Amino acid sequence: MSGWFPKPSVASERRVATGRLTMNIVEAGSGPAVLLIHGLGWDHSLWNPTVEKLAAHYHVIAADTRGHGGTDKPDGPYDMDMFARDYAALADALGQELVVFPSHHSGFAGDEFGYPGEPEAFAARLREVLGDD
């Protein structure tokens, strides 16, 4: 459905109804769930090389954010808290407790999710999850 980088052979792509909207995801691997969030103007395929690498140890999920890629594009305006609520709904729909929210925004910017404006705390949590002291 997109084309920045080709889909890894280990991954599958599908659309997931969340109750808020239907989101397009690529997923691979098993283990703790790691959600990869692309930056604005991109889509999940930006993470495809990372999906392939992390899938050996994690259940990696790369999703298209509202208004991007294969995810629904309802009328806006959109904001970061809306995106955060969308991703929380995705986790619920998948029955997953998402371990970490890597993103291109120095930690996800939703007020009740992630580490908004705290890149050091975000990096420390990411190192903890990945077992990288």
Protein backbone atom coordinates (compact mmCIF):
# COMPACT_ATOMS: atom_id res chain seq x y z
CA MET A 1 0.00 0.00 0.00
CA SER A 2 3.01 2.30 0.24
CA GLY A 3 6.47 2.55 -1.06
CA TRP A 4 9.30 4.32 0.78
CA PHE A 5 11.02 0.98 1.43
CA PRO A 6 9.91 -2.50 0.35
CA LYS A 7 7.97 -4.63 2.84
CA PRO A 8 10.24 -7.14 4.59
CA SER A 9 9.67 -10.74 3.55
CA VAL A 10 9.12 -11.66 7.23
CA ALA A 11 6.24 -9.16 7.60
CA SER A 12 2.53 -9.23 6.83
CA GLU A 13 0.34 -6.21 6.12
CA ARG A 14 -3.30 -5.79 7.15
CA ARG A 15 -5.93 -3.24 8.16
CA VAL A 16 -7.21 -3.22 11.76
CA ALA A 17 -10.56 -1.70 12.82
CA THR A 18 -10.02 0.10 16.14
CA GLY A 19 -13.41 1.64 16.88
CA ARG A 20 -11.94 5.07 16.06
CA LEU A 21 -10.79 4.33 12.51
CA THR A 22 -9.23 1.53 10.48
CA MET A 23 -5.44 1.54 10.57
CA ASN A 24 -3.03 -0.08 8.15
CA ILE A 25 -0.22 -2.01 9.85
CA VAL A 26 2.77 -4.14 8.98
CA GLU A 27 3.80 -6.65 11.63
CA ALA A 28 6.40 -9.35 12.11
CA GLY A 29 7.99 -11.45 14.82
CA SER A 30 6.89 -12.51 18.29
CA GLY A 31 7.64 -11.44 21.83
CA PRO A 32 7.06 -8.09 23.50
CA ALA A 33 5.18 -5.72 21.20
CA VAL A 34 7.08 -2.70 19.86
CA LEU A 35 5.16 -0.06 17.94
CA LEU A 36 7.11 2.00 15.42
CA ILE A 37 5.55 5.40 14.67
CA HIS A 38 6.53 7.29 11.53
CA GLY A 39 6.92 11.05 11.28
CA LEU A 40 4.31 13.33 9.75
CA GLY A 41 4.19 13.12 5.98
CA TRP A 42 5.65 9.59 5.87
CA ASP A 43 4.09 6.14 6.27
CA HIS A 44 4.93 2.84 7.98
CA SER A 45 7.28 1.74 5.21
CA LEU A 46 9.91 4.15 6.52
CA TRP A 47 10.39 1.56 9.29
CA ASN A 48 10.58 -1.53 7.04
CA PRO A 49 14.36 -2.02 7.42
CA THR A 50 13.94 -1.75 11.22
CA VAL A 51 10.97 -4.15 11.25
CA GLU A 52 13.12 -6.82 9.66
CA LYS A 53 15.93 -6.36 12.21
CA LEU A 54 13.74 -6.24 15.34
CA ALA A 55 11.42 -9.11 14.31
CA ALA A 56 13.94 -11.68 15.52
CA HIS A 57 13.21 -10.65 19.14
CA TYR A 58 9.98 -8.64 19.20
CA HIS A 59 6.46 -8.49 17.82
CA VAL A 60 7.09 -5.41 15.71
CA ILE A 61 4.16 -3.31 14.54
CA ALA A 62 4.61 -0.39 12.15
CA ALA A 63 1.36 1.46 11.53
CA ASP A 64 0.23 4.26 9.27
CA THR A 65 -0.90 7.24 11.35
CA ARG A 66 -4.35 8.74 10.74
CA GLY A 67 -4.37 10.50 7.36
CA HIS A 68 -1.25 8.68 6.13
CA GLY A 69 -0.58 5.64 3.94
CA GLY A 70 -3.32 3.00 4.03
CA THR A 71 -4.97 4.23 7.24
CA ASP A 72 -8.31 6.03 7.08
CA LYS A 73 -8.22 9.72 6.24
CA PRO A 74 -11.23 11.30 7.97
CA ASP A 75 -11.71 15.05 7.80
CA GLY A 76 -9.34 17.01 10.08
CA PRO A 77 -7.95 18.86 11.76
CA TYR A 78 -5.64 16.31 13.38
CA ASP A 79 -3.47 16.76 16.46
CA MET A 80 -0.88 14.75 18.38
CA ASP A 81 -3.26 13.77 21.19
CA MET A 82 -5.64 12.39 18.56
CA PHE A 83 -2.79 10.32 17.12
CA ALA A 84 -1.94 9.04 20.61
CA ARG A 85 -5.55 7.99 21.21
CA ASP A 86 -5.57 6.25 17.81
CA TYR A 87 -2.48 4.24 18.74
CA ALA A 88 -3.92 3.34 22.16
CA ALA A 89 -7.06 2.10 20.36
CA LEU A 90 -4.86 0.09 17.98
CA ALA A 91 -3.12 -1.57 20.95
CA ASP A 92 -6.53 -2.46 22.41
CA ALA A 93 -7.76 -3.83 19.07
CA LEU A 94 -4.64 -5.99 18.79
CA GLY A 95 -4.90 -7.14 22.41
CA GLN A 96 -1.38 -5.85 23.01
CA GLU A 97 0.30 -3.88 25.71
CA LEU A 98 2.74 -1.91 23.63
CA VAL A 99 6.15 -1.81 25.23
CA VAL A 100 7.53 1.37 23.70
CA PHE A 101 6.58 3.97 21.14
CA PRO A 102 9.66 4.74 19.00
CA SER A 103 8.94 7.71 16.80
CA HIS A 104 10.54 10.55 14.89
CA HIS A 105 9.34 13.07 17.49
CA SER A 106 11.81 12.63 20.42
CA GLY A 107 9.33 10.34 22.17
CA PHE A 108 5.65 10.31 21.33
CA ALA A 109 4.02 13.67 21.96
CA GLY A 110 0.64 12.57 23.35
CA ASP A 111 0.14 13.95 26.89
CA GLU A 112 -0.77 10.65 28.52
CA PHE A 113 1.46 8.41 26.41
CA GLY A 114 5.19 8.10 26.03
CA TYR A 115 7.68 10.74 27.10
CA PRO A 116 6.58 14.04 25.56
CA GLY A 117 9.43 16.51 25.46
CA GLU A 118 11.68 14.13 27.41
CA PRO A 119 14.08 12.57 24.89
CA GLU A 120 16.50 11.38 27.61
CA ALA A 121 13.74 9.50 29.47
CA PHE A 122 12.49 8.07 26.19
CA ALA A 123 16.00 6.90 25.24
CA ALA A 124 16.51 5.32 28.69
CA ARG A 125 13.21 3.39 28.38
CA LEU A 126 14.10 2.27 24.86
CA ARG A 127 17.50 1.00 26.06
CA GLU A 128 15.75 -0.83 28.92
CA VAL A 129 13.27 -2.52 26.58
CA LEU A 130 15.95 -3.50 24.08
CA GLY A 131 18.28 -4.72 26.84
CA ASP A 132 20.99 -2.25 25.82
CA ASP A 133 22.67 -0.93 28.97
